[in-house]
Amino acid sequence: MITTASEAEARTIAELLLTQRKAACVGIVPGVDSRFWWQGKLDSARASLLIVKTRAALLPAIVTLVKQAHSYEVPEIIALPIVGGNEDYLKWLDSEAREA
């Protein structure tokens, strides 16, 4: 998952990850109300959330690409394990997200 400052930035990063074949699919959720601590103060902002469907092996490359393209000083880039699901979907994901 990745958060961005705007929907436009989310689209840019999604396109980057897809064209570089680092993701099989990227869902964009606009209008996220984000609350967080930043530099010792409680803050809030509107954000867009990217849900990146990919393989764990591609995470280091994704982190590098996103950090280069992102407007935040410390962008949220986190990974959650896939513990199961539709086997056909998981095979598709594995075949589409690959090293370019």
PDB file of N, CA and C in Angstrom:
ATOM      1  N   MET A   1       0.845  -1.171   0.000  1.00  0.00           N
ATOM      2  CA  MET A   1       0.000   0.000   0.000  1.00  0.00           C
ATOM      3  C   MET A   1       0.894   1.238   0.000  1.00  0.00           C
ATOM      4  N   ILE A   2       0.433   2.236  -0.725  1.00  0.00           N
ATOM      5  CA  ILE A   2       1.160   3.495  -0.859  1.00  0.00           C
ATOM      6  C   ILE A   2       0.139   4.620  -0.754  1.00  0.00           C
ATOM      7  N   THR A   3       0.456   5.665   0.007  1.00  0.00           N
ATOM      8  CA  THR A   3      -0.402   6.844   0.015  1.00  0.00           C
ATOM      9  C   THR A   3       0.293   7.966  -0.740  1.00  0.00           C
ATOM     10  N   THR A   4      -0.517   8.826  -1.364  1.00  0.00           N
ATOM     11  CA  THR A   4       0.000   9.965  -2.119  1.00  0.00           C
ATOM     12  C   THR A   4      -0.768  11.222  -1.740  1.00  0.00           C
ATOM     13  N   ALA A   5      -0.198  12.366  -2.085  1.00  0.00           N
ATOM     14  CA  ALA A   5      -0.806  13.655  -1.753  1.00  0.00           C
ATOM     15  C   ALA A   5      -2.026  13.972  -2.610  1.00  0.00           C
ATOM     16  N   SER A   6      -2.122  13.347  -3.779  1.00  0.00           N
ATOM     17  CA  SER A   6      -3.228  13.663  -4.688  1.00  0.00           C
ATOM     18  C   SER A   6      -3.569  12.456  -5.551  1.00  0.00           C
ATOM     19  N   GLU A   7      -4.736  12.531  -6.158  1.00  0.00           N
ATOM     20  CA  GLU A   7      -5.139  11.470  -7.087  1.00  0.00           C
ATOM     21  C   GLU A   7      -4.251  11.482  -8.326  1.00  0.00           C
ATOM     22  N   ALA A   8      -3.839  12.669  -8.764  1.00  0.00           N
ATOM     23  CA  ALA A   8      -2.952  12.766  -9.928  1.00  0.00           C
ATOM     24  C   ALA A   8      -1.615  12.084  -9.647  1.00  0.00           C
ATOM     25  N   GLU A   9      -1.059  12.308  -8.464  1.00  0.00           N
ATOM     26  CA  GLU A   9       0.196  11.649  -8.107  1.00  0.00           C
ATOM     27  C   GLU A   9      -0.006  10.139  -8.022  1.00  0.00           C
ATOM     28  N   ALA A  10      -1.138   9.709  -7.503  1.00  0.00           N
ATOM     29  CA  ALA A  10      -1.444   8.281  -7.430  1.00  0.00           C
ATOM     30  C   ALA A  10      -1.479   7.664  -8.825  1.00  0.00           C
ATOM     31  N   ARG A  11      -2.114   8.349  -9.766  1.00  0.00           N
ATOM     32  CA  ARG A  11      -2.172   7.841 -11.149  1.00  0.00           C
ATOM     33  C   ARG A  11      -0.774   7.747 -11.754  1.00  0.00           C
ATOM     34  N   THR A  12       0.048   8.763 -11.515  1.00  0.00           N
ATOM     35  CA  THR A  12       1.412   8.769 -12.051  1.00  0.00           C
ATOM     36  C   THR A  12       2.211   7.587 -11.516  1.00  0.00           C
ATOM     37  N   ILE A  13       2.134   7.358 -10.218  1.00  0.00           N
ATOM     38  CA  ILE A  13       2.881   6.251  -9.616  1.00  0.00           C
ATOM     39  C   ILE A  13       2.313   4.909 -10.072  1.00  0.00           C
ATOM     40  N   ALA A  14       1.004   4.792 -10.181  1.00  0.00           N
ATOM     41  CA  ALA A  14       0.393   3.556 -10.671  1.00  0.00           C
ATOM     42  C   ALA A  14       0.882   3.239 -12.080  1.00  0.00           C
ATOM     43  N   GLU A  15       0.877   4.238 -12.956  1.00  0.00           N
ATOM     44  CA  GLU A  15       1.347   4.031 -14.334  1.00  0.00           C
ATOM     45  C   GLU A  15       2.812   3.614 -14.358  1.00  0.00           C
ATOM     46  N   LEU A  16       3.630   4.227 -13.511  1.00  0.00           N
ATOM     47  CA  LEU A  16       5.048   3.879 -13.430  1.00  0.00           C
ATOM     48  C   LEU A  16       5.217   2.415 -13.039  1.00  0.00           C
ATOM     49  N   LEU A  17       4.521   1.985 -12.007  1.00  0.00           N
ATOM     50  CA  LEU A  17       4.641   0.602 -11.553  1.00  0.00           C
ATOM     51  C   LEU A  17       4.125  -0.390 -12.591  1.00  0.00           C
ATOM     52  N   LEU A  18       3.056  -0.026 -13.276  1.00  0.00           N
ATOM     53  CA  LEU A  18       2.494  -0.922 -14.291  1.00  0.00           C
ATOM     54  C   LEU A  18       3.372  -0.987 -15.537  1.00  0.00           C
ATOM     55  N   THR A  19       3.846   0.140 -16.024  1.00  0.00           N
ATOM     56  CA  THR A  19       4.672   0.121 -17.242  1.00  0.00           C
ATOM     57  C   THR A  19       6.023  -0.536 -16.996  1.00  0.00           C
ATOM     58  N   GLN A  20       6.513  -0.470 -15.754  1.00  0.00           N
ATOM     59  CA  GLN A  20       7.771  -1.142 -15.395  1.00  0.00           C
ATOM     60  C   GLN A  20       7.544  -2.619 -15.039  1.00  0.00           C
ATOM     61  N   ARG A  21       6.291  -3.063 -15.111  1.00  0.00           N
ATOM     62  CA  ARG A  21       5.890  -4.452 -14.812  1.00  0.00           C
ATOM     63  C   ARG A  21       6.204  -4.863 -13.378  1.00  0.00           C
ATOM     64  N   LYS A  22       6.175  -3.894 -12.469  1.00  0.00           N
ATOM     65  CA  LYS A  22       6.397  -4.194 -11.055  1.00  0.00           C
ATOM     66  C   LYS A  22       5.094  -4.547 -10.348  1.00  0.00           C
ATOM     67  N   ALA A  23       3.976  -4.338 -11.008  1.00  0.00           N
ATOM     68  CA  ALA A  23       2.663  -4.663 -10.449  1.00  0.00           C
ATOM     69  C   ALA A  23       1.789  -5.260 -11.539  1.00  0.00           C
ATOM     70  N   ALA A  24       0.910  -6.165 -11.140  1.00  0.00           N
ATOM     71  CA  ALA A  24      -0.070  -6.722 -12.069  1.00  0.00           C
ATOM     72  C   ALA A  24      -1.301  -5.828 -12.135  1.00  0.00           C
ATOM     73  N   CYS A  25      -1.585  -5.123 -11.038  1.00  0.00           N
ATOM     74  CA  CYS A  25      -2.768  -4.276 -10.933  1.00  0.00           C
ATOM     75  C   CYS A  25      -2.532  -3.267  -9.815  1.00  0.00           C
ATOM     76  N   VAL A  26      -3.066  -2.056  -9.990  1.00  0.00           N
ATOM     77  CA  VAL A  26      -3.005  -1.045  -8.933  1.00  0.00           C
ATOM     78  C   VAL A  26      -4.393  -0.430  -8.792  1.00  0.00           C
ATOM     79  N   GLY A  27      -4.972  -0.548  -7.611  1.00  0.00           N
ATOM     80  CA  GLY A  27      -6.241   0.105  -7.312  1.00  0.00           C
ATOM     81  C   GLY A  27      -5.969   1.452  -6.661  1.00  0.00           C
ATOM     82  N   ILE A  28      -6.725   2.466  -7.056  1.00  0.00           N
ATOM     83  CA  ILE A  28      -6.558   3.806  -6.489  1.00  0.00           C
ATOM     84  C   ILE A  28      -7.830   4.177  -5.730  1.00  0.00           C
ATOM     85  N   VAL A  29      -7.662   4.504  -4.451  1.00  0.00           N
ATOM     86  CA  VAL A  29      -8.770   4.928  -3.600  1.00  0.00           C
ATOM     87  C   VAL A  29      -8.551   6.406  -3.265  1.00  0.00           C
ATOM     88  N   PRO A  30      -9.295   7.311  -3.917  1.00  0.00           N
ATOM     89  CA  PRO A  30      -9.113   8.741  -3.632  1.00  0.00           C
ATOM     90  C   PRO A  30      -9.846   9.163  -2.360  1.00  0.00           C
ATOM     91  N   GLY A  31      -9.494  10.326  -1.851  1.00  0.00           N
ATOM     92  CA  GLY A  31     -10.237  10.921  -0.752  1.00  0.00           C
ATOM     93  C   GLY A  31     -10.066  10.267   0.603  1.00  0.00           C
ATOM     94  N   VAL A  32      -8.900   9.693   0.871  1.00  0.00           N
ATOM     95  CA  VAL A  32      -8.641   9.079   2.171  1.00  0.00           C
ATOM     96  C   VAL A  32      -8.354  10.183   3.193  1.00  0.00           C
ATOM     97  N   ASP A  33      -9.010  10.128   4.337  1.00  0.00           N
ATOM     98  CA  ASP A  33      -8.768  11.079   5.423  1.00  0.00           C
ATOM     99  C   ASP A  33      -7.659  10.500   6.292  1.00  0.00           C
ATOM    100  N   SER A  34      -6.468  11.039   6.175  1.00  0.00           N
ATOM    101  CA  SER A  34      -5.299  10.500   6.855  1.00  0.00           C
ATOM    102  C   SER A  34      -4.970  11.329   8.096  1.00  0.00           C
ATOM    103  N   ARG A  35      -4.798  10.670   9.230  1.00  0.00           N
ATOM    104  CA  ARG A  35      -4.414  11.311  10.498  1.00  0.00           C
ATOM    105  C   ARG A  35      -3.090  10.693  10.932  1.00  0.00           C
ATOM    106  N   PHE A  36      -2.131  11.523  11.335  1.00  0.00           N
ATOM    107  CA  PHE A  36      -0.795  11.005  11.600  1.00  0.00           C
ATOM    108  C   PHE A  36       0.031  11.979  12.444  1.00  0.00           C
ATOM    109  N   TRP A  37       1.102  11.438  13.009  1.00  0.00           N
ATOM    110  CA  TRP A  37       2.093  12.258  13.694  1.00  0.00           C
ATOM    111  C   TRP A  37       3.166  12.641  12.688  1.00  0.00           C
ATOM    112  N   TRP A  38       3.544  13.927  12.654  1.00  0.00           N
ATOM    113  CA  TRP A  38       4.625  14.382  11.784  1.00  0.00           C
ATOM    114  C   TRP A  38       5.406  15.474  12.503  1.00  0.00           C
ATOM    115  N   GLN A  39       6.699  15.235  12.681  1.00  0.00           N
ATOM    116  CA  GLN A  39       7.605  16.181  13.328  1.00  0.00           C
ATOM    117  C   GLN A  39       7.070  16.637  14.684  1.00  0.00           C
ATOM    118  N   GLY A  40       6.591  15.667  15.475  1.00  0.00           N
ATOM    119  CA  GLY A  40       6.150  15.916  16.835  1.00  0.00           C
ATOM    120  C   GLY A  40       4.760  16.492  16.993  1.00  0.00           C
ATOM    121  N   LYS A  41       4.034  16.644  15.893  1.00  0.00           N
ATOM    122  CA  LYS A  41       2.689  17.225  15.958  1.00  0.00           C
ATOM    123  C   LYS A  41       1.677  16.306  15.288  1.00  0.00           C
ATOM    124  N   LEU A  42       0.473  16.299  15.845  1.00  0.00           N
ATOM    125  CA  LEU A  42      -0.622  15.561  15.226  1.00  0.00           C
ATOM    126  C   LEU A  42      -1.102  16.355  14.023  1.00  0.00           C
ATOM    127  N   ASP A  43      -1.231  15.692  12.877  1.00  0.00           N
ATOM    128  CA  ASP A  43      -1.579  16.367  11.629  1.00  0.00           C
ATOM    129  C   ASP A  43      -2.636  15.551  10.891  1.00  0.00           C
ATOM    130  N   SER A  44      -3.172  16.128   9.840  1.00  0.00           N
ATOM    131  CA  SER A  44      -4.128  15.417   8.989  1.00  0.00           C
ATOM    132  C   SER A  44      -3.997  15.934   7.567  1.00  0.00           C
ATOM    133  N   ALA A  45      -4.411  15.100   6.627  1.00  0.00           N
ATOM    134  CA  ALA A  45      -4.363  15.481   5.214  1.00  0.00           C
ATOM    135  C   ALA A  45      -5.286  14.571   4.422  1.00  0.00           C
ATOM    136  N   ARG A  46      -5.719  15.053   3.276  1.00  0.00           N
ATOM    137  CA  ARG A  46      -6.431  14.207   2.317  1.00  0.00           C
ATOM    138  C   ARG A  46      -5.360  13.486   1.512  1.00  0.00           C
ATOM    139  N   ALA A  47      -5.607  12.245   1.201  1.00  0.00           N
ATOM    140  CA  ALA A  47      -4.633  11.448   0.470  1.00  0.00           C
ATOM    141  C   ALA A  47      -5.360  10.510  -0.475  1.00  0.00           C
ATOM    142  N   SER A  48      -4.592   9.923  -1.362  1.00  0.00           N
ATOM    143  CA  SER A  48      -5.082   8.817  -2.177  1.00  0.00           C
ATOM    144  C   SER A  48      -4.283   7.587  -1.782  1.00  0.00           C
ATOM    145  N   LEU A  49      -4.940   6.448  -1.794  1.00  0.00           N
ATOM    146  CA  LEU A  49      -4.318   5.186  -1.406  1.00  0.00           C
ATOM    147  C   LEU A  49      -4.181   4.301  -2.636  1.00  0.00           C
ATOM    148  N   LEU A  50      -2.984   3.809  -2.861  1.00  0.00           N
ATOM    149  CA  LEU A  50      -2.752   2.839  -3.929  1.00  0.00           C
ATOM    150  C   LEU A  50      -2.668   1.456  -3.301  1.00  0.00           C
ATOM    151  N   ILE A  51      -3.420   0.527  -3.837  1.00  0.00           N
ATOM    152  CA  ILE A  51      -3.342  -0.869  -3.427  1.00  0.00           C
ATOM    153  C   ILE A  51      -2.660  -1.596  -4.581  1.00  0.00           C
ATOM    154  N   VAL A  52      -1.408  -1.953  -4.358  1.00  0.00           N
ATOM    155  CA  VAL A  52      -0.555  -2.509  -5.407  1.00  0.00           C
ATOM    156  C   VAL A  52      -0.551  -4.027  -5.286  1.00  0.00           C
ATOM    157  N   LYS A  53      -0.972  -4.695  -6.354  1.00  0.00           N
ATOM    158  CA  LYS A  53      -0.958  -6.155  -6.369  1.00  0.00           C
ATOM    159  C   LYS A  53       0.310  -6.598  -7.090  1.00  0.00           C
ATOM    160  N   THR A  54       1.202  -7.263  -6.336  1.00  0.00           N
ATOM    161  CA  THR A  54       2.505  -7.621  -6.873  1.00  0.00           C
ATOM    162  C   THR A  54       3.057  -8.834  -6.140  1.00  0.00           C
ATOM    163  N   ARG A  55       4.304  -9.161  -6.438  1.00  0.00           N
ATOM    164  CA  ARG A  55       4.998 -10.264  -5.773  1.00  0.00           C
ATOM    165  C   ARG A  55       6.002  -9.702  -4.770  1.00  0.00           C
ATOM    166  N   ALA A  56       6.239 -10.414  -3.691  1.00  0.00           N
ATOM    167  CA  ALA A  56       7.162  -9.960  -2.643  1.00  0.00           C
ATOM    168  C   ALA A  56       8.560  -9.698  -3.196  1.00  0.00           C
ATOM    169  N   ALA A  57       8.986 -10.482  -4.158  1.00  0.00           N
ATOM    170  CA  ALA A  57      10.328 -10.324  -4.722  1.00  0.00           C
ATOM    171  C   ALA A  57      10.533  -8.968  -5.394  1.00  0.00           C
ATOM    172  N   LEU A  58       9.447  -8.312  -5.791  1.00  0.00           N
ATOM    173  CA  LEU A  58       9.548  -7.026  -6.483  1.00  0.00           C
ATOM    174  C   LEU A  58       9.508  -5.833  -5.529  1.00  0.00           C
ATOM    175  N   LEU A  59       9.308  -6.073  -4.244  1.00  0.00           N
ATOM    176  CA  LEU A  59       9.176  -4.977  -3.284  1.00  0.00           C
ATOM    177  C   LEU A  59      10.386  -4.036  -3.262  1.00  0.00           C
ATOM    178  N   PRO A  60      11.628  -4.522  -3.231  1.00  0.00           N
ATOM    179  CA  PRO A  60      12.756  -3.583  -3.222  1.00  0.00           C
ATOM    180  C   PRO A  60      12.759  -2.643  -4.434  1.00  0.00           C
ATOM    181  N   ALA A  61      12.444  -3.153  -5.605  1.00  0.00           N
ATOM    182  CA  ALA A  61      12.391  -2.314  -6.812  1.00  0.00           C
ATOM    183  C   ALA A  61      11.247  -1.312  -6.721  1.00  0.00           C
ATOM    184  N   ILE A  62      10.119  -1.732  -6.168  1.00  0.00           N
ATOM    185  CA  ILE A  62       8.972  -0.831  -6.005  1.00  0.00           C
ATOM    186  C   ILE A  62       9.320   0.307  -5.051  1.00  0.00           C
ATOM    187  N   VAL A  63       9.948  -0.015  -3.930  1.00  0.00           N
ATOM    188  CA  VAL A  63      10.341   1.018  -2.964  1.00  0.00           C
ATOM    189  C   VAL A  63      11.255   2.042  -3.634  1.00  0.00           C
ATOM    190  N   THR A  64      12.230   1.584  -4.393  1.00  0.00           N
ATOM    191  CA  THR A  64      13.153   2.490  -5.081  1.00  0.00           C
ATOM    192  C   THR A  64      12.418   3.389  -6.068  1.00  0.00           C
ATOM    193  N   LEU A  65      11.569   2.814  -6.906  1.00  0.00           N
ATOM    194  CA  LEU A  65      10.826   3.595  -7.901  1.00  0.00           C
ATOM    195  C   LEU A  65       9.909   4.623  -7.248  1.00  0.00           C
ATOM    196  N   VAL A  66       9.177   4.201  -6.234  1.00  0.00           N
ATOM    197  CA  VAL A  66       8.213   5.098  -5.595  1.00  0.00           C
ATOM    198  C   VAL A  66       8.928   6.238  -4.873  1.00  0.00           C
ATOM    199  N   LYS A  67      10.006   5.942  -4.164  1.00  0.00           N
ATOM    200  CA  LYS A  67      10.735   7.001  -3.457  1.00  0.00           C
ATOM    201  C   LYS A  67      11.264   8.059  -4.429  1.00  0.00           C
ATOM    202  N   GLN A  68      11.662   7.645  -5.625  1.00  0.00           N
ATOM    203  CA  GLN A  68      12.158   8.594  -6.628  1.00  0.00           C
ATOM    204  C   GLN A  68      11.034   9.461  -7.190  1.00  0.00           C
ATOM    205  N   ALA A  69       9.837   8.909  -7.301  1.00  0.00           N
ATOM    206  CA  ALA A  69       8.726   9.608  -7.954  1.00  0.00           C
ATOM    207  C   ALA A  69       7.803  10.343  -6.981  1.00  0.00           C
ATOM    208  N   HIS A  70       7.915  10.083  -5.703  1.00  0.00           N
ATOM    209  CA  HIS A  70       6.948  10.553  -4.708  1.00  0.00           C
ATOM    210  C   HIS A  70       7.259  11.957  -4.212  1.00  0.00           C
ATOM    211  N   SER A  71       6.213  12.715  -3.878  1.00  0.00           N
ATOM    212  CA  SER A  71       6.385  14.078  -3.367  1.00  0.00           C
ATOM    213  C   SER A  71       6.635  14.130  -1.858  1.00  0.00           C
ATOM    214  N   TYR A  72       6.305  13.066  -1.128  1.00  0.00           N
ATOM    215  CA  TYR A  72       6.492  13.070   0.326  1.00  0.00           C
ATOM    216  C   TYR A  72       7.959  12.849   0.683  1.00  0.00           C
ATOM    217  N   GLU A  73       8.388  13.461   1.773  1.00  0.00           N
ATOM    218  CA  GLU A  73       9.737  13.248   2.293  1.00  0.00           C
ATOM    219  C   GLU A  73       9.909  11.801   2.759  1.00  0.00           C
ATOM    220  N   VAL A  74       8.868  11.273   3.405  1.00  0.00           N
ATOM    221  CA  VAL A  74       8.878   9.893   3.903  1.00  0.00           C
ATOM    222  C   VAL A  74       7.586   9.218   3.437  1.00  0.00           C
ATOM    223  N   PRO A  75       7.560   8.705   2.202  1.00  0.00           N
ATOM    224  CA  PRO A  75       6.317   8.108   1.700  1.00  0.00           C
ATOM    225  C   PRO A  75       5.985   6.784   2.389  1.00  0.00           C
ATOM    226  N   GLU A  76       4.688   6.569   2.572  1.00  0.00           N
ATOM    227  CA  GLU A  76       4.228   5.273   3.078  1.00  0.00           C
ATOM    228  C   GLU A  76       4.308   4.269   1.941  1.00  0.00           C
ATOM    229  N   ILE A  77       5.128   3.260   2.138  1.00  0.00           N
ATOM    230  CA  ILE A  77       5.226   2.134   1.203  1.00  0.00           C
ATOM    231  C   ILE A  77       5.304   0.901   2.091  1.00  0.00           C
ATOM    232  N   ILE A  78       4.203   0.182   2.207  1.00  0.00           N
ATOM    233  CA  ILE A  78       4.186  -0.994   3.076  1.00  0.00           C
ATOM    234  C   ILE A  78       3.637  -2.195   2.310  1.00  0.00           C
ATOM    235  N   ALA A  79       4.029  -3.373   2.770  1.00  0.00           N
ATOM    236  CA  ALA A  79       3.590  -4.610   2.126  1.00  0.00           C
ATOM    237  C   ALA A  79       2.888  -5.497   3.145  1.00  0.00           C
ATOM    238  N   LEU A  80       1.833  -6.118   2.702  1.00  0.00           N
ATOM    239  CA  LEU A  80       1.101  -7.089   3.503  1.00  0.00           C
ATOM    240  C   LEU A  80       1.214  -8.441   2.808  1.00  0.00           C
ATOM    241  N   PRO A  81       1.387  -9.518   3.560  1.00  0.00           N
ATOM    242  CA  PRO A  81       1.514 -10.826   2.915  1.00  0.00           C
ATOM    243  C   PRO A  81       0.177 -11.317   2.360  1.00  0.00           C
ATOM    244  N   ILE A  82       0.260 -12.007   1.251  1.00  0.00           N
ATOM    245  CA  ILE A  82      -0.913 -12.708   0.710  1.00  0.00           C
ATOM    246  C   ILE A  82      -0.880 -14.105   1.320  1.00  0.00           C
ATOM    247  N   VAL A  83      -1.883 -14.423   2.112  1.00  0.00           N
ATOM    248  CA  VAL A  83      -1.899 -15.721   2.786  1.00  0.00           C
ATOM    249  C   VAL A  83      -2.804 -16.730   2.084  1.00  0.00           C
ATOM    250  N   GLY A  84      -3.509 -16.285   1.059  1.00  0.00           N
ATOM    251  CA  GLY A  84      -4.377 -17.177   0.313  1.00  0.00           C
ATOM    252  C   GLY A  84      -5.286 -16.378  -0.584  1.00  0.00           C
ATOM    253  N   GLY A  85      -6.061 -17.086  -1.380  1.00  0.00           N
ATOM    254  CA  GLY A  85      -6.994 -16.425  -2.275  1.00  0.00           C
ATOM    255  C   GLY A  85      -7.344 -17.301  -3.459  1.00  0.00           C
ATOM    256  N   ASN A  86      -7.969 -16.697  -4.443  1.00  0.00           N
ATOM    257  CA  ASN A  86      -8.345 -17.384  -5.674  1.00  0.00           C
ATOM    258  C   ASN A  86      -7.068 -17.802  -6.405  1.00  0.00           C
ATOM    259  N   GLU A  87      -6.836 -19.081  -6.517  1.00  0.00           N
ATOM    260  CA  GLU A  87      -5.604 -19.592  -7.129  1.00  0.00           C
ATOM    261  C   GLU A  87      -5.418 -19.089  -8.560  1.00  0.00           C
ATOM    262  N   ASP A  88      -6.501 -18.987  -9.323  1.00  0.00           N
ATOM    263  CA  ASP A  88      -6.391 -18.474 -10.692  1.00  0.00           C
ATOM    264  C   ASP A  88      -5.904 -17.028 -10.688  1.00  0.00           C
ATOM    265  N   TYR A  89      -6.424 -16.217  -9.769  1.00  0.00           N
ATOM    266  CA  TYR A  89      -5.989 -14.821  -9.656  1.00  0.00           C
ATOM    267  C   TYR A  89      -4.523 -14.753  -9.247  1.00  0.00           C
ATOM    268  N   LEU A  90      -4.122 -15.566  -8.275  1.00  0.00           N
ATOM    269  CA  LEU A  90      -2.740 -15.542  -7.805  1.00  0.00           C
ATOM    270  C   LEU A  90      -1.767 -15.969  -8.903  1.00  0.00           C
ATOM    271  N   LYS A  91      -2.161 -16.922  -9.731  1.00  0.00           N
ATOM    272  CA  LYS A  91      -1.320 -17.320 -10.876  1.00  0.00           C
ATOM    273  C   LYS A  91      -1.213 -16.181 -11.878  1.00  0.00           C
ATOM    274  N   TRP A  92      -2.342 -15.499 -12.139  1.00  0.00           N
ATOM    275  CA  TRP A  92      -2.331 -14.348 -13.045  1.00  0.00           C
ATOM    276  C   TRP A  92      -1.403 -13.271 -12.506  1.00  0.00           C
ATOM    277  N   LEU A  93      -1.534 -12.949 -11.206  1.00  0.00           N
ATOM    278  CA  LEU A  93      -0.689 -11.928 -10.586  1.00  0.00           C
ATOM    279  C   LEU A  93       0.783 -12.288 -10.750  1.00  0.00           C
ATOM    280  N   ASP A  94       1.122 -13.528 -10.479  1.00  0.00           N
ATOM    281  CA  ASP A  94       2.508 -13.979 -10.583  1.00  0.00           C
ATOM    282  C   ASP A  94       3.038 -13.867 -12.002  1.00  0.00           C
ATOM    283  N   SER A  95       2.183 -14.112 -12.990  1.00  0.00           N
ATOM    284  CA  SER A  95       2.642 -14.051 -14.387  1.00  0.00           C
ATOM    285  C   SER A  95       2.753 -12.622 -14.909  1.00  0.00           C
ATOM    286  N   GLU A  96       1.990 -11.696 -14.352  1.00  0.00           N
ATOM    287  CA  GLU A  96       1.984 -10.316 -14.860  1.00  0.00           C
ATOM    288  C   GLU A  96       2.948  -9.382 -14.138  1.00  0.00           C
ATOM    289  N   ALA A  97       3.186  -9.591 -12.865  1.00  0.00           N
ATOM    290  CA  ALA A  97       4.148  -8.770 -12.114  1.00  0.00           C
ATOM    291  C   ALA A  97       5.488  -9.483 -12.178  1.00  0.00           C
ATOM    292  N   ARG A  98       6.424  -8.868 -12.862  1.00  0.00           N
ATOM    293  CA  ARG A  98       7.704  -9.555 -13.086  1.00  0.00           C
ATOM    294  C   ARG A  98       8.820  -8.538 -13.272  1.00  0.00           C
ATOM    295  N   GLU A  99      10.016  -9.048 -13.316  1.00  0.00           N
ATOM    296  CA  GLU A  99      11.165  -8.190 -13.614  1.00  0.00           C
ATOM    297  C   GLU A  99      11.071  -7.757 -15.069  1.00  0.00           C
ATOM    298  N   ALA A 100      11.219  -6.467 -15.314  1.00  0.00           N
ATOM    299  CA  ALA A 100      11.122  -5.949 -16.695  1.00  0.00           C
ATOM    300  C   ALA A 100      12.416  -6.181 -17.441  1.00  0.00           C
TER     301      ALA A 100
END
